[in-house]
C-alpha atoms as a PDB file:
ATOM      1  CA  MET A   1     -14.099 -15.051 -16.982  1.00  0.00           C
ATOM      2  CA  LYS A   2     -14.640 -18.552 -18.200  1.00  0.00           C
ATOM      3  CA  SER A   3     -16.390 -19.863 -15.337  1.00  0.00           C
ATOM      4  CA  LEU A   4     -18.885 -16.866 -15.685  1.00  0.00           C
ATOM      5  CA  ILE A   5     -19.668 -18.041 -19.142  1.00  0.00           C
ATOM      6  CA  PRO A   6     -22.865 -20.731 -18.595  1.00  0.00           C
ATOM      7  CA  LEU A   7     -24.000 -18.315 -16.472  1.00  0.00           C
ATOM      8  CA  LEU A   8     -24.229 -15.642 -19.232  1.00  0.00           C
ATOM      9  CA  LEU A   9     -25.417 -17.951 -21.680  1.00  0.00           C
ATOM     10  CA  VAL A  10     -28.506 -18.577 -19.687  1.00  0.00           C
ATOM     11  CA  LEU A  11     -29.074 -14.711 -19.134  1.00  0.00           C
ATOM     12  CA  ALA A  12     -28.831 -13.824 -21.716  1.00  0.00           C
ATOM     13  CA  LEU A  13     -31.158 -16.496 -23.718  1.00  0.00           C
ATOM     14  CA  ALA A  14     -33.955 -15.105 -21.438  1.00  0.00           C
ATOM     15  CA  ALA A  15     -32.840 -11.434 -22.683  1.00  0.00           C
ATOM     16  CA  THR A  16     -33.229 -12.733 -26.234  1.00  0.00           C
ATOM     17  CA  ALA A  17     -36.850 -14.260 -25.507  1.00  0.00           C
ATOM     18  CA  CYS A  18     -38.076 -11.053 -24.015  1.00  0.00           C
ATOM     19  CA  GLY A  19     -36.165  -8.744 -27.207  1.00  0.00           C
ATOM     20  CA  SER A  20     -33.972  -6.916 -24.884  1.00  0.00           C
ATOM     21  CA  LYS A  21     -30.475  -5.350 -26.081  1.00  0.00           C
ATOM     22  CA  LYS A  22     -29.668  -2.554 -24.431  1.00  0.00           C
ATOM     23  CA  SER A  23     -25.716  -2.903 -23.800  1.00  0.00           C
ATOM     24  CA  ALA A  24     -24.544  -3.298 -26.996  1.00  0.00           C
ATOM     25  CA  ALA A  25     -23.541  -0.068 -29.334  1.00  0.00           C
ATOM     26  CA  THR A  26     -24.356  -0.582 -32.980  1.00  0.00           C
ATOM     27  CA  THR A  27     -22.892   0.684 -36.325  1.00  0.00           C
ATOM     28  CA  SER A  28     -24.875   0.301 -39.236  1.00  0.00           C
ATOM     29  CA  SER A  29     -23.955   0.569 -43.292  1.00  0.00           C
ATOM     30  CA  THR A  30     -25.561  -0.177 -46.678  1.00  0.00           C
ATOM     31  CA  THR A  31     -24.385  -0.133 -49.979  1.00  0.00           C
ATOM     32  CA  SER A  32     -26.804   1.387 -52.554  1.00  0.00           C
ATOM     33  CA  THR A  33     -28.511  -2.110 -53.498  1.00  0.00           C
ATOM     34  CA  THR A  34     -31.765  -2.337 -52.336  1.00  0.00           C
ATOM     35  CA  ALA A  35     -32.845  -4.079 -48.953  1.00  0.00           C
ATOM     36  CA  ALA A  36     -35.101  -6.654 -50.969  1.00  0.00           C
ATOM     37  CA  THR A  37     -32.320  -7.866 -53.122  1.00  0.00           C
ATOM     38  CA  ALA A  38     -28.952  -7.217 -50.905  1.00  0.00           C
ATOM     39  CA  PHE A  39     -26.990 -10.034 -49.662  1.00  0.00           C
ATOM     40  CA  LYS A  40     -26.869  -8.934 -45.884  1.00  0.00           C
ATOM     41  CA  VAL A  41     -23.725  -9.827 -43.743  1.00  0.00           C
ATOM     42  CA  GLY A  42     -24.016  -8.846 -40.194  1.00  0.00           C
ATOM     43  CA  LEU A  43     -21.013  -8.689 -37.684  1.00  0.00           C
ATOM     44  CA  ASN A  44     -20.844  -8.801 -34.212  1.00  0.00           C
ATOM     45  CA  THR A  45     -17.462  -7.906 -32.352  1.00  0.00           C
ATOM     46  CA  ASP A  46     -16.351  -9.552 -29.125  1.00  0.00           C
ATOM     47  CA  ILE A  47     -15.800  -6.698 -26.316  1.00  0.00           C
ATOM     48  CA  GLY A  48     -12.436  -5.470 -27.713  1.00  0.00           C
ATOM     49  CA  GLY A  49     -14.471  -3.447 -30.099  1.00  0.00           C
ATOM     50  CA  LEU A  50     -13.570  -1.475 -33.366  1.00  0.00           C
ATOM     51  CA  ASN A  51     -10.943   0.476 -32.159  1.00  0.00           C
ATOM     52  CA  ASP A  52      -8.855  -1.940 -30.896  1.00  0.00           C
ATOM     53  CA  ARG A  53      -6.612  -1.520 -33.825  1.00  0.00           C
ATOM     54  CA  SER A  54      -5.881  -4.851 -34.220  1.00  0.00           C
ATOM     55  CA  PHE A  55      -8.380  -7.601 -34.458  1.00  0.00           C
ATOM     56  CA  ASN A  56     -11.360  -6.524 -34.504  1.00  0.00           C
ATOM     57  CA  HIS A  57     -10.396  -3.647 -36.844  1.00  0.00           C
ATOM     58  CA  LEU A  58      -9.578  -6.480 -39.419  1.00  0.00           C
ATOM     59  CA  ALA A  59     -12.760  -7.993 -39.131  1.00  0.00           C
ATOM     60  CA  TYR A  60     -14.055  -4.696 -39.900  1.00  0.00           C
ATOM     61  CA  VAL A  61     -11.772  -3.599 -42.729  1.00  0.00           C
ATOM     62  CA  GLY A  62     -12.660  -7.237 -44.707  1.00  0.00           C
ATOM     63  CA  LEU A  63     -16.371  -6.633 -44.258  1.00  0.00           C
ATOM     64  CA  LEU A  64     -15.904  -2.851 -45.375  1.00  0.00           C
ATOM     65  CA  LYS A  65     -14.657  -4.436 -48.591  1.00  0.00           C
ATOM     66  CA  ALA A  66     -16.888  -7.099 -49.418  1.00  0.00           C
ATOM     67  CA  GLN A  67     -19.478  -4.272 -48.984  1.00  0.00           C
ATOM     68  CA  LYS A  68     -17.541  -2.553 -51.107  1.00  0.00           C
ATOM     69  CA  ASP A  69     -16.466  -4.784 -53.867  1.00  0.00           C
ATOM     70  CA  LEU A  70     -19.690  -7.352 -54.004  1.00  0.00           C
ATOM     71  CA  GLY A  71     -22.394  -5.054 -53.346  1.00  0.00           C
ATOM     72  CA  VAL A  72     -23.369  -6.813 -49.821  1.00  0.00           C
ATOM     73  CA  GLN A  73     -25.693  -4.673 -47.145  1.00  0.00           C
ATOM     74  CA  THR A  74     -23.770  -4.741 -44.156  1.00  0.00           C
ATOM     75  CA  ARG A  75     -24.519  -4.140 -40.102  1.00  0.00           C
ATOM     76  CA  VAL A  76     -22.254  -4.213 -37.249  1.00  0.00           C
ATOM     77  CA  VAL A  77     -23.193  -4.625 -33.854  1.00  0.00           C
ATOM     78  CA  GLN A  78     -20.306  -4.171 -31.083  1.00  0.00           C
ATOM     79  CA  SER A  79     -20.410  -6.154 -28.052  1.00  0.00           C
ATOM     80  CA  THR A  80     -19.980  -4.062 -24.787  1.00  0.00           C
ATOM     81  CA  SER A  81     -19.733  -7.220 -22.554  1.00  0.00           C
ATOM     82  CA  PRO A  82     -19.826 -10.856 -23.044  1.00  0.00           C
ATOM     83  CA  ALA A  83     -23.337 -10.991 -22.064  1.00  0.00           C
ATOM     84  CA  ASP A  84     -24.747  -9.301 -25.410  1.00  0.00           C
ATOM     85  CA  TYR A  85     -22.791 -12.079 -27.583  1.00  0.00           C
ATOM     86  CA  ILE A  86     -26.088 -14.134 -27.407  1.00  0.00           C
ATOM     87  CA  PRO A  87     -28.838 -11.210 -27.907  1.00  0.00           C
ATOM     88  CA  ASN A  88     -26.447 -10.073 -30.332  1.00  0.00           C
ATOM     89  CA  LEU A  89     -26.109 -13.034 -32.694  1.00  0.00           C
ATOM     90  CA  SER A  90     -30.083 -13.662 -31.950  1.00  0.00           C
ATOM     91  CA  ALA A  91     -31.026 -10.419 -33.638  1.00  0.00           C
ATOM     92  CA  LEU A  92     -29.083 -10.172 -36.578  1.00  0.00           C
ATOM     93  CA  ALA A  93     -29.806 -13.949 -37.590  1.00  0.00           C
ATOM     94  CA  ARG A  94     -34.091 -12.955 -36.367  1.00  0.00           C
ATOM     95  CA  GLN A  95     -33.451  -9.573 -39.025  1.00  0.00           C
ATOM     96  CA  GLY A  96     -32.900 -11.901 -42.003  1.00  0.00           C
ATOM     97  CA  TYR A  97     -29.018 -11.370 -42.200  1.00  0.00           C
ATOM     98  CA  ASP A  98     -27.831 -14.180 -44.906  1.00  0.00           C
ATOM     99  CA  LEU A  99     -24.015 -14.873 -43.049  1.00  0.00           C
ATOM    100  CA  VAL A 100     -23.640 -13.924 -39.667  1.00  0.00           C
ATOM    101  CA  ILE A 101     -19.758 -13.059 -38.498  1.00  0.00           C
ATOM    102  CA  GLY A 102     -18.538 -13.375 -35.094  1.00  0.00           C
ATOM    103  CA  VAL A 103     -15.141 -12.174 -34.396  1.00  0.00           C
ATOM    104  CA  GLY A 104     -13.337 -14.115 -32.096  1.00  0.00           C
ATOM    105  CA  PHE A 105     -13.059 -17.244 -29.739  1.00  0.00           C
ATOM    106  CA  THR A 106     -14.794 -15.955 -26.373  1.00  0.00           C
ATOM    107  CA  GLU A 107     -17.772 -16.242 -28.626  1.00  0.00           C
ATOM    108  CA  ILE A 108     -17.348 -19.752 -28.706  1.00  0.00           C
ATOM    109  CA  GLN A 109     -20.331 -21.047 -26.758  1.00  0.00           C
ATOM    110  CA  ALA A 110     -22.813 -17.931 -27.667  1.00  0.00           C
ATOM    111  CA  MET A 111     -22.251 -18.859 -31.446  1.00  0.00           C
ATOM    112  CA  ALA A 112     -23.083 -22.325 -30.628  1.00  0.00           C
ATOM    113  CA  ALA A 113     -25.885 -21.751 -28.739  1.00  0.00           C
ATOM    114  CA  VAL A 114     -27.437 -19.333 -31.384  1.00  0.00           C
ATOM    115  CA  ALA A 115     -26.642 -21.460 -34.481  1.00  0.00           C
ATOM    116  CA  LYS A 116     -28.537 -24.344 -32.757  1.00  0.00           C
ATOM    117  CA  GLN A 117     -31.164 -21.901 -32.473  1.00  0.00           C
ATOM    118  CA  PHE A 118     -31.364 -20.645 -36.055  1.00  0.00           C
ATOM    119  CA  PRO A 119     -30.627 -23.215 -38.574  1.00  0.00           C
ATOM    120  CA  SER A 120     -31.419 -22.289 -41.753  1.00  0.00           C
ATOM    121  CA  THR A 121     -29.162 -19.055 -41.135  1.00  0.00           C
ATOM    122  CA  HIS A 122     -25.192 -19.057 -42.339  1.00  0.00           C
ATOM    123  CA  PHE A 123     -22.814 -18.237 -39.087  1.00  0.00           C
ATOM    124  CA  ALA A 124     -18.745 -17.886 -39.792  1.00  0.00           C
ATOM    125  CA  ILE A 125     -16.851 -17.717 -36.683  1.00  0.00           C
ATOM    126  CA  VAL A 126     -13.007 -16.390 -36.242  1.00  0.00           C
ATOM    127  CA  ASP A 127     -10.514 -17.701 -34.163  1.00  0.00           C
ATOM    128  CA  VAL A 128     -13.221 -20.911 -33.649  1.00  0.00           C
ATOM    129  CA  SER A 129     -12.992 -24.262 -35.140  1.00  0.00           C
ATOM    130  CA  ASN A 130     -16.768 -25.985 -36.356  1.00  0.00           C
ATOM    131  CA  ALA A 131     -15.574 -28.690 -34.658  1.00  0.00           C
ATOM    132  CA  ASP A 132     -16.184 -26.696 -31.374  1.00  0.00           C
ATOM    133  CA  GLU A 133     -19.129 -25.510 -32.379  1.00  0.00           C
ATOM    134  CA  GLY A 134     -20.354 -29.077 -32.589  1.00  0.00           C
ATOM    135  CA  GLY A 135     -19.631 -29.841 -36.080  1.00  0.00           C
ATOM    136  CA  LEU A 136     -22.981 -28.050 -37.079  1.00  0.00           C
ATOM    137  CA  PRO A 137     -23.796 -27.383 -40.565  1.00  0.00           C
ATOM    138  CA  ASN A 138     -24.708 -23.907 -40.348  1.00  0.00           C
ATOM    139  CA  VAL A 139     -21.160 -22.762 -38.731  1.00  0.00           C
ATOM    140  CA  GLN A 140     -18.082 -21.779 -40.298  1.00  0.00           C
ATOM    141  CA  GLY A 141     -14.702 -21.849 -38.336  1.00  0.00           C
ATOM    142  CA  LEU A 142     -12.230 -19.397 -39.759  1.00  0.00           C
ATOM    143  CA  LEU A 143      -8.439 -20.735 -38.035  1.00  0.00           C
ATOM    144  CA  PHE A 144      -5.175 -19.527 -38.457  1.00  0.00           C
ATOM    145  CA  LYS A 145      -1.571 -20.547 -38.004  1.00  0.00           C
ATOM    146  CA  GLU A 146      -0.813 -18.073 -35.362  1.00  0.00           C
ATOM    147  CA  GLN A 147       2.252 -20.323 -34.822  1.00  0.00           C
ATOM    148  CA  GLU A 148       3.852 -19.511 -38.299  1.00  0.00           C
ATOM    149  CA  ALA A 149       3.660 -15.469 -37.583  1.00  0.00           C
ATOM    150  CA  GLY A 150       4.563 -15.843 -34.155  1.00  0.00           C
ATOM    151  CA  TYR A 151       7.904 -18.002 -35.269  1.00  0.00           C
ATOM    152  CA  LEU A 152       8.856 -15.510 -37.707  1.00  0.00           C
ATOM    153  CA  ALA A 153       8.430 -12.278 -34.984  1.00  0.00           C
ATOM    154  CA  GLY A 154      10.511 -14.505 -32.197  1.00  0.00           C
ATOM    155  CA  TYR A 155      13.200 -15.240 -34.573  1.00  0.00           C
ATOM    156  CA  ALA A 156      13.617 -11.810 -35.312  1.00  0.00           C
ATOM    157  CA  ALA A 157      13.430 -11.054 -31.829  1.00  0.00           C
ATOM    158  CA  GLY A 158      15.920 -13.784 -31.160  1.00  0.00           C
ATOM    159  CA  LEU A 159      18.302 -11.798 -33.472  1.00  0.00           C
ATOM    160  CA  ALA A 160      17.260  -8.183 -32.257  1.00  0.00           C
ATOM    161  CA  ALA A 161      17.988  -9.159 -28.635  1.00  0.00           C
ATOM    162  CA  LYS A 162      21.579 -10.663 -30.000  1.00  0.00           C
ATOM    163  CA  ASP A 163      22.027  -7.456 -31.228  1.00  0.00           C
ATOM    164  CA  ARG A 164      21.775  -5.623 -28.025  1.00  0.00           C
ATOM    165  CA  GLY A 165      23.660  -8.455 -25.832  1.00  0.00           C
ATOM    166  CA  GLY A 166      20.246  -9.487 -24.466  1.00  0.00           C
ATOM    167  CA  LYS A 167      19.031 -13.148 -23.511  1.00  0.00           C
ATOM    168  CA  VAL A 168      15.319 -12.512 -22.609  1.00  0.00           C
ATOM    169  CA  VAL A 169      12.554 -11.777 -24.416  1.00  0.00           C
ATOM    170  CA  SER A 170       8.746 -11.885 -23.423  1.00  0.00           C
ATOM    171  CA  SER A 171       5.248 -11.784 -24.517  1.00  0.00           C
ATOM    172  CA  VAL A 172       2.101 -10.767 -22.985  1.00  0.00           C
ATOM    173  CA  GLY A 173      -0.800 -12.500 -23.332  1.00  0.00           C
ATOM    174  CA  GLY A 174      -4.437 -11.312 -22.612  1.00  0.00           C
ATOM    175  CA  GLN A 175      -6.397 -14.507 -22.084  1.00  0.00           C
ATOM    176  CA  LYS A 176      -4.701 -18.618 -22.427  1.00  0.00           C
ATOM    177  CA  GLN A 177      -6.695 -19.087 -25.515  1.00  0.00           C
ATOM    178  CA  PRO A 178      -5.657 -21.456 -28.068  1.00  0.00           C
ATOM    179  CA  PRO A 179      -5.281 -18.417 -30.667  1.00  0.00           C
ATOM    180  CA  VAL A 180      -3.027 -16.669 -28.386  1.00  0.00           C
ATOM    181  CA  ASP A 181      -0.763 -19.487 -27.216  1.00  0.00           C
ATOM    182  CA  ARG A 182      -0.577 -20.689 -30.948  1.00  0.00           C
ATOM    183  CA  TYR A 183       1.136 -16.996 -32.101  1.00  0.00           C
ATOM    184  CA  ILE A 184       2.975 -17.462 -28.217  1.00  0.00           C
ATOM    185  CA  ALA A 185       4.066 -21.066 -28.635  1.00  0.00           C
ATOM    186  CA  GLY A 186       5.713 -20.186 -32.220  1.00  0.00           C
ATOM    187  CA  TYR A 187       7.759 -17.129 -31.178  1.00  0.00           C
ATOM    188  CA  GLN A 188       9.164 -18.711 -28.270  1.00  0.00           C
ATOM    189  CA  ALA A 189      10.172 -21.380 -30.530  1.00  0.00           C
ATOM    190  CA  GLY A 190      11.436 -18.758 -33.233  1.00  0.00           C
ATOM    191  CA  ALA A 191      13.352 -17.177 -30.841  1.00  0.00           C
ATOM    192  CA  LYS A 192      15.516 -20.296 -29.660  1.00  0.00           C
ATOM    193  CA  ALA A 193      16.395 -21.216 -33.257  1.00  0.00           C
ATOM    194  CA  ALA A 194      17.769 -17.697 -33.813  1.00  0.00           C
ATOM    195  CA  LEU A 195      19.161 -17.333 -30.317  1.00  0.00           C
ATOM    196  CA  PRO A 196      19.951 -20.929 -28.776  1.00  0.00           C
ATOM    197  CA  GLY A 197      20.077 -20.505 -24.921  1.00  0.00           C
ATOM    198  CA  VAL A 198      17.450 -17.238 -24.798  1.00  0.00           C
ATOM    199  CA  GLN A 199      15.193 -17.202 -21.837  1.00  0.00           C
ATOM    200  CA  THR A 200      11.421 -16.577 -22.588  1.00  0.00           C
ATOM    201  CA  LEU A 201       9.065 -14.794 -20.279  1.00  0.00           C
ATOM    202  CA  ASN A 202       5.333 -14.773 -20.490  1.00  0.00           C
ATOM    203  CA  GLY A 203       2.567 -13.603 -19.168  1.00  0.00           C
ATOM    204  CA  TYR A 204      -1.152 -12.945 -18.805  1.00  0.00           C
ATOM    205  CA  SER A 205      -3.316  -9.779 -18.221  1.00  0.00           C
ATOM    206  CA  GLN A 206      -6.528 -11.523 -18.163  1.00  0.00           C
ATOM    207  CA  ASP A 207      -7.690  -8.781 -20.555  1.00  0.00           C
ATOM    208  CA  PHE A 208      -8.087  -7.708 -23.878  1.00  0.00           C
ATOM    209  CA  GLU A 209      -9.049  -4.054 -22.958  1.00  0.00           C
ATOM    210  CA  ASN A 210      -7.557  -2.313 -20.516  1.00  0.00           C
ATOM    211  CA  GLN A 211      -4.417  -0.983 -21.793  1.00  0.00           C
ATOM    212  CA  ALA A 212      -2.520  -0.269 -18.336  1.00  0.00           C
ATOM    213  CA  LYS A 213      -2.598  -4.468 -17.209  1.00  0.00           C
ATOM    214  CA  CYS A 214      -0.722  -5.548 -19.923  1.00  0.00           C
ATOM    215  CA  LYS A 215       1.738  -2.394 -19.421  1.00  0.00           C
ATOM    216  CA  GLU A 216       2.064  -4.170 -15.863  1.00  0.00           C
ATOM    217  CA  VAL A 217       3.043  -7.403 -17.302  1.00  0.00           C
ATOM    218  CA  ALA A 218       5.408  -5.916 -20.073  1.00  0.00           C
ATOM    219  CA  LEU A 219       6.827  -3.551 -17.246  1.00  0.00           C
ATOM    220  CA  ASN A 220       7.880  -6.491 -14.636  1.00  0.00           C
ATOM    221  CA  GLN A 221       9.373  -8.394 -17.971  1.00  0.00           C
ATOM    222  CA  ILE A 222      11.655  -5.956 -18.623  1.00  0.00           C
ATOM    223  CA  ALA A 223      12.673  -5.209 -15.043  1.00  0.00           C
ATOM    224  CA  GLN A 224      13.783  -9.105 -15.677  1.00  0.00           C
ATOM    225  CA  GLY A 225      15.916  -8.064 -18.333  1.00  0.00           C
ATOM    226  CA  SER A 226      13.396  -8.482 -21.510  1.00  0.00           C
ATOM    227  CA  VAL A 227      14.559  -6.895 -24.448  1.00  0.00           C
ATOM    228  CA  VAL A 228      11.781  -7.525 -27.040  1.00  0.00           C
ATOM    229  CA  VAL A 229       8.283  -7.167 -25.608  1.00  0.00           C
ATOM    230  CA  PHE A 230       5.477  -9.215 -28.529  1.00  0.00           C
ATOM    231  CA  GLN A 231       2.106  -8.281 -27.511  1.00  0.00           C
ATOM    232  CA  VAL A 232      -0.896 -10.614 -27.883  1.00  0.00           C
ATOM    233  CA  ALA A 233      -3.156  -9.226 -26.203  1.00  0.00           C
ATOM    234  CA  GLY A 234      -5.659  -6.697 -28.660  1.00  0.00           C
ATOM    235  CA  GLY A 235      -6.557  -3.353 -27.651  1.00  0.00           C
ATOM    236  CA  CYS A 236      -4.415  -4.443 -24.139  1.00  0.00           C
ATOM    237  CA  GLY A 237      -1.270  -5.569 -25.607  1.00  0.00           C
ATOM    238  CA  LEU A 238      -0.974  -1.369 -27.000  1.00  0.00           C
ATOM    239  CA  GLY A 239       0.001  -1.318 -23.184  1.00  0.00           C
ATOM    240  CA  ALA A 240       2.890  -3.812 -23.340  1.00  0.00           C
ATOM    241  CA  LEU A 241       4.219  -1.833 -26.626  1.00  0.00           C
ATOM    242  CA  ASP A 242       3.964   1.917 -24.498  1.00  0.00           C
ATOM    243  CA  ALA A 243       6.412  -0.423 -22.013  1.00  0.00           C
ATOM    244  CA  ALA A 244       8.259  -1.300 -24.450  1.00  0.00           C
ATOM    245  CA  LYS A 245       8.783   2.510 -26.109  1.00  0.00           C
ATOM    246  CA  GLU A 246       9.317   3.827 -22.299  1.00  0.00           C
ATOM    247  CA  LYS A 247      12.207   1.152 -21.372  1.00  0.00           C
ATOM    248  CA  ASN A 248      13.914   1.932 -24.721  1.00  0.00           C
ATOM    249  CA  VAL A 249      13.364  -1.931 -25.592  1.00  0.00           C
ATOM    250  CA  TRP A 250      11.793  -3.574 -28.954  1.00  0.00           C
ATOM    251  CA  GLY A 251       7.899  -3.765 -29.136  1.00  0.00           C
ATOM    252  CA  VAL A 252       6.798  -6.455 -31.326  1.00  0.00           C
ATOM    253  CA  GLY A 253       2.664  -5.543 -32.553  1.00  0.00           C
ATOM    254  CA  VAL A 254       0.511  -8.261 -33.319  1.00  0.00           C
ATOM    255  CA  ASP A 255      -2.719  -9.073 -35.814  1.00  0.00           C
ATOM    256  CA  ALA A 256      -2.428  -5.706 -37.703  1.00  0.00           C
ATOM    257  CA  ASP A 257       1.483  -3.891 -38.645  1.00  0.00           C
ATOM    258  CA  GLN A 258       1.385  -1.661 -35.738  1.00  0.00           C
ATOM    259  CA  ALA A 259       4.866   0.131 -37.332  1.00  0.00           C
ATOM    260  CA  TYR A 260       2.563   2.966 -37.494  1.00  0.00           C
ATOM    261  CA  LEU A 261       3.126   3.363 -33.329  1.00  0.00           C
ATOM    262  CA  GLY A 262       6.914   3.998 -33.911  1.00  0.00           C
ATOM    263  CA  PRO A 263      10.094   2.974 -34.849  1.00  0.00           C
ATOM    264  CA  TYR A 264      10.490   1.300 -31.254  1.00  0.00           C
ATOM    265  CA  VAL A 265       8.132  -1.625 -33.085  1.00  0.00           C
ATOM    266  CA  LEU A 266      10.261  -4.030 -34.684  1.00  0.00           C
ATOM    267  CA  THR A 267       7.868  -5.842 -36.502  1.00  0.00           C
ATOM    268  CA  SER A 268       4.300  -7.276 -36.043  1.00  0.00           C
ATOM    269  CA  ALA A 269       2.968 -11.020 -36.464  1.00  0.00           C
ATOM    270  CA  LEU A 270       0.571 -10.394 -38.861  1.00  0.00           C
ATOM    271  CA  LYS A 271      -2.920 -12.614 -38.845  1.00  0.00           C
ATOM    272  CA  ARG A 272      -5.079 -11.462 -41.847  1.00  0.00           C
ATOM    273  CA  VAL A 273      -8.494 -11.913 -40.352  1.00  0.00           C
ATOM    274  CA  ASP A 274     -10.351  -9.367 -42.884  1.00  0.00           C
ATOM    275  CA  THR A 275      -8.669 -11.792 -46.049  1.00  0.00           C
ATOM    276  CA  ALA A 276     -11.034 -14.730 -43.935  1.00  0.00           C
ATOM    277  CA  VAL A 277     -14.072 -12.384 -43.068  1.00  0.00           C
ATOM    278  CA  TYR A 278     -14.134 -11.065 -46.762  1.00  0.00           C
ATOM    279  CA  ASP A 279     -13.775 -14.830 -48.390  1.00  0.00           C
ATOM    280  CA  SER A 280     -16.625 -15.983 -46.254  1.00  0.00           C
ATOM    281  CA  ILE A 281     -18.866 -13.572 -47.568  1.00  0.00           C
ATOM    282  CA  ALA A 282     -17.641 -14.098 -51.402  1.00  0.00           C
ATOM    283  CA  SER A 283     -18.597 -17.680 -51.154  1.00  0.00           C
ATOM    284  CA  ALA A 284     -21.533 -17.676 -49.137  1.00  0.00           C
ATOM    285  CA  LYS A 285     -22.675 -14.678 -51.460  1.00  0.00           C
ATOM    286  CA  GLY A 286     -21.910 -16.735 -54.258  1.00  0.00           C
ATOM    287  CA  GLY A 287     -23.717 -19.697 -53.303  1.00  0.00           C
ATOM    288  CA  HIS A 288     -20.544 -21.578 -52.208  1.00  0.00           C
ATOM    289  CA  PHE A 289     -20.875 -21.734 -47.998  1.00  0.00           C
ATOM    290  CA  LYS A 290     -18.152 -23.764 -46.517  1.00  0.00           C
ATOM    291  CA  GLY A 291     -20.774 -24.605 -43.713  1.00  0.00           C
ATOM    292  CA  GLY A 292     -19.956 -27.792 -41.300  1.00  0.00           C
ATOM    293  CA  GLN A 293     -16.149 -27.128 -41.789  1.00  0.00           C
ATOM    294  CA  ASP A 294     -13.060 -24.837 -41.129  1.00  0.00           C
ATOM    295  CA  THR A 295     -11.233 -22.647 -43.384  1.00  0.00           C
ATOM    296  CA  VAL A 296      -7.264 -22.273 -42.006  1.00  0.00           C
ATOM    297  CA  TYR A 297      -5.191 -19.492 -42.829  1.00  0.00           C
ATOM    298  CA  GLY A 298      -1.415 -20.228 -42.755  1.00  0.00           C
ATOM    299  CA  LEU A 299       1.894 -18.565 -44.760  1.00  0.00           C
ATOM    300  CA  ASP A 300       1.102 -21.111 -47.424  1.00  0.00           C
ATOM    301  CA  VAL A 301      -1.857 -18.933 -48.514  1.00  0.00           C
ATOM    302  CA  ASN A 302      -0.565 -15.310 -47.309  1.00  0.00           C
ATOM    303  CA  GLY A 303      -2.990 -15.626 -44.510  1.00  0.00           C
ATOM    304  CA  VAL A 304      -0.377 -15.449 -41.904  1.00  0.00           C
ATOM    305  CA  GLY A 305       2.817 -13.448 -41.884  1.00  0.00           C
ATOM    306  CA  ILE A 306       5.524 -10.546 -40.778  1.00  0.00           C
ATOM    307  CA  GLY A 307       4.815  -6.697 -40.698  1.00  0.00           C
ATOM    308  CA  LYS A 308       6.606  -4.261 -42.007  1.00  0.00           C
ATOM    309  CA  PHE A 309      10.489  -3.704 -39.924  1.00  0.00           C
ATOM    310  CA  SER A 310      11.355  -0.721 -37.939  1.00  0.00           C
ATOM    311  CA  PRO A 311      13.840   1.811 -40.078  1.00  0.00           C
ATOM    312  CA  LYS A 312      16.085   1.005 -36.863  1.00  0.00           C
ATOM    313  CA  THR A 313      16.251  -2.672 -37.287  1.00  0.00           C
ATOM    314  CA  PRO A 314      19.783  -4.008 -36.939  1.00  0.00           C
ATOM    315  CA  ALA A 315      21.168  -4.709 -40.966  1.00  0.00           C
ATOM    316  CA  GLY A 316      20.453  -8.391 -42.278  1.00  0.00           C
ATOM    317  CA  ILE A 317      17.373  -9.166 -39.659  1.00  0.00           C
ATOM    318  CA  PRO A 318      14.941  -8.764 -42.492  1.00  0.00           C
ATOM    319  CA  ALA A 319      16.516 -10.950 -45.103  1.00  0.00           C
ATOM    320  CA  LYS A 320      17.387 -14.010 -42.667  1.00  0.00           C
ATOM    321  CA  VAL A 321      13.350 -13.748 -41.536  1.00  0.00           C
ATOM    322  CA  ASP A 322      12.648 -13.834 -45.073  1.00  0.00           C
ATOM    323  CA  VAL A 323      14.979 -17.193 -45.456  1.00  0.00           C
ATOM    324  CA  VAL A 324      13.063 -18.747 -42.993  1.00  0.00           C
ATOM    325  CA  LYS A 325       9.638 -17.754 -43.856  1.00  0.00           C
ATOM    326  CA  GLN A 326      10.567 -19.164 -47.399  1.00  0.00           C
ATOM    327  CA  GLN A 327      12.002 -22.262 -45.087  1.00  0.00           C
ATOM    328  CA  ILE A 328       8.379 -22.745 -43.378  1.00  0.00           C
ATOM    329  CA  LYS A 329       6.909 -22.726 -46.323  1.00  0.00           C
ATOM    330  CA  ASP A 330       8.292 -25.542 -48.310  1.00  0.00           C
ATOM    331  CA  GLY A 331       7.887 -27.273 -45.751  1.00  0.00           C
ATOM    332  CA  LYS A 332      11.746 -27.321 -44.522  1.00  0.00           C
ATOM    333  CA  ILE A 333      10.761 -26.204 -41.165  1.00  0.00           C
ATOM    334  CA  THR A 334       7.927 -27.927 -39.462  1.00  0.00           C
ATOM    335  CA  ASN A 335       5.989 -28.860 -36.094  1.00  0.00           C
ATOM    336  CA  ILE A 336       6.415 -25.491 -35.209  1.00  0.00           C
ATOM    337  CA  PRO A 337       4.853 -25.662 -31.315  1.00  0.00           C
ATOM    338  CA  THR A 338       1.188 -24.428 -30.836  1.00  0.00           C
ATOM    339  CA  THR A 339       0.734 -24.816 -26.998  1.00  0.00           C
ATOM    340  CA  VAL A 340       2.675 -23.284 -24.247  1.00  0.00           C
ATOM    341  CA  LYS A 341       4.245 -25.102 -21.541  1.00  0.00           C
END
């Protein structure tokens, strides 16, 4: 997929020049504030869309909170393919939105191209560093210490595996991207800390939408003995969790708290994209846009965390994870890995 991006950028820039954007679905919402005076915020989803029940959904939650609390005018544009990224971001900039937010690592090159074209527009992008956008002064990076949330989820997974007499836990990533791998690296480290000698399996579906692909990867891992499956693949990852349910093993959710799926979900590794989006909007509206830099969210600012535990969780696991959580906050657990070997 990455090999197609440069070509897609060229084609999308040409489409932008012609004013064409037919393939993207658009959702708009406004406050009662008049368009003439309202601070306008546009949000462009990645191809996972608002119904991924995870990453994009959380960004939308943060946008809606800003609309309600701060009185900003909002618009959401949903991308249906990577070719939509440049036209969508460009359209929001041309329409005079004060802050344009891109959701996800896959928008990295599109954001850089559009931000250069519209230097007077403020942009923010989730999961991408400002440095990767060329250090542009009109771009704010919104980053997370996913490895900390992953470590907590992995520690819980290791304890749960030990309770079942299992020796294998696994993870299903959507694509090999830095934010995905930070989750997985932390998860593997946490599992090994809780259960020395545990085997950690990992696979990538190469997709963030198709649930069948993630389910297939997870089923293969379960066949190899995995008793806990961690999904790090957005909407696709719901298929991995479905495999866990089908085979009566534990599942671990990602980004949002996915405990609502059922008691087979042990817990979830949380990433508060909603908080990051809201904070970025509040700062920009207040005249304090943090362009040219990154804002990083970790356990220390409640930017990542651990979700609810299943009511069927073995006794003692939540309390032990809480201890580890505090140790990370206190700096007693450091150097959590961020890359998957």
